[in-house]
Protein backbone atom coordinates (compact mmCIF):
# COMPACT_ATOMS: atom_id res chain seq x y z
CA MET A 1 0.09 0.03 -0.32
CA PRO A 2 1.56 3.52 -1.45
CA ASP A 3 1.81 6.01 1.22
CA VAL A 4 2.58 10.06 0.19
CA THR A 5 2.58 12.84 1.87
CA LEU A 6 1.17 16.16 -0.03
CA VAL A 7 1.66 19.91 0.60
CA VAL A 8 -1.68 21.49 0.88
CA ARG A 9 -1.25 25.27 -0.54
CA GLY A 10 -4.41 27.05 1.07
CA LEU A 11 -5.22 25.39 4.11
CA ALA A 12 -6.63 28.28 6.33
CA ASP A 13 -7.96 26.34 9.52
CA PRO A 14 -8.60 23.20 10.85
CA GLY A 15 -12.13 23.12 9.43
CA GLU A 16 -11.12 23.16 6.02
CA ALA A 17 -8.33 20.46 7.59
CA GLU A 18 -11.54 18.20 8.30
CA ARG A 19 -13.54 19.14 5.10
CA LEU A 20 -10.40 18.05 3.23
CA GLN A 21 -9.91 14.81 4.78
CA THR A 22 -13.28 13.85 4.88
CA ALA A 23 -13.30 14.54 0.81
CA ILE A 24 -10.31 12.08 0.85
CA GLU A 25 -11.48 9.17 3.29
CA ARG A 26 -14.30 9.20 0.62
CA ILE A 27 -12.31 7.27 -2.29
CA GLY A 28 -12.61 3.75 -2.73
CA GLU A 29 -8.75 3.14 -2.38
CA VAL A 30 -8.22 5.89 -0.05
CA ARG A 31 -7.56 3.58 3.75
CA ALA A 32 -6.09 6.76 5.49
CA ALA A 33 -6.11 9.92 5.80
CA ASN A 34 -4.48 12.82 8.25
CA VAL A 35 -4.80 16.25 6.99
CA ASP A 36 -2.21 18.87 9.34
CA ALA A 37 -3.79 22.47 8.82
CA GLU A 38 -0.92 24.10 10.66
CA LYS A 39 1.73 22.17 8.63
CA GLY A 40 -0.33 22.21 5.62
CA LEU A 41 -0.03 18.47 4.55
CA LEU A 42 -1.92 15.84 3.49
CA ALA A 43 -0.71 12.20 4.99
CA VAL A 44 -2.43 9.38 2.76
CA SER A 45 -2.33 6.17 2.68
CA TYR A 46 -4.10 4.27 -0.38
CA GLU A 47 -4.02 0.79 -2.38
CA GLY A 48 -3.23 1.25 -6.27
CA GLY A 49 -0.57 3.26 -8.14
CA GLU A 50 -0.60 6.57 -10.42
CA ALA A 51 -3.52 6.29 -11.67
CA GLU A 52 -5.03 6.43 -7.74
CA LEU A 53 -2.48 9.33 -6.87
CA THR A 54 -4.15 11.40 -9.63
CA ARG A 55 -7.53 10.97 -8.22
CA ILE A 56 -6.48 11.76 -5.08
CA GLU A 57 -4.92 15.52 -6.14
CA GLY A 58 -7.75 15.64 -7.99
CA ALA A 59 -9.87 15.12 -5.03
CA VAL A 60 -7.51 18.07 -3.30
CA LYS A 61 -8.08 20.54 -6.12
CA GLU A 62 -12.07 19.96 -6.24
CA ALA A 63 -11.67 21.05 -2.68
CA GLY A 64 -10.23 24.46 -3.48
CA PHE A 65 -6.44 23.33 -2.60
CA GLU A 66 -3.81 23.44 -4.33
CA PRO A 67 -1.26 20.02 -4.11
CA GLU A 68 2.30 19.60 -4.60
CA PRO A 69 4.36 16.59 -3.55
CA THR A 70 6.52 16.64 -0.64
CA PRO A 71 10.28 15.95 -1.96
CA GLY A 72 10.92 12.63 -2.38
CA ALA A 73 7.23 11.78 -3.16
CA GLU A 74 8.04 11.61 -7.22
CA ASN A 75 8.44 8.10 -6.89
CA ALA A 76 5.02 7.21 -5.08
CA GLY A 77 2.54 5.12 -6.44
CA GLY A 78 5.17 2.90 -7.76
């Protein structure tokens, strides 16, 4: 199961973090998600590969935020 941490631009408060976490957890392949609003980070454990990671990033964008891979995350998803 791949794990990835994304930098999420635009997180202003814990309420937004909770909304984002809920949106990510609704994705079927996601097994766990944790959003840290203070640090602007989203940690996700999911099943799958690049296509699923793209879905996760799309969900972040749909929630109104801008995802960026953290250093070293470019190999996430196999």
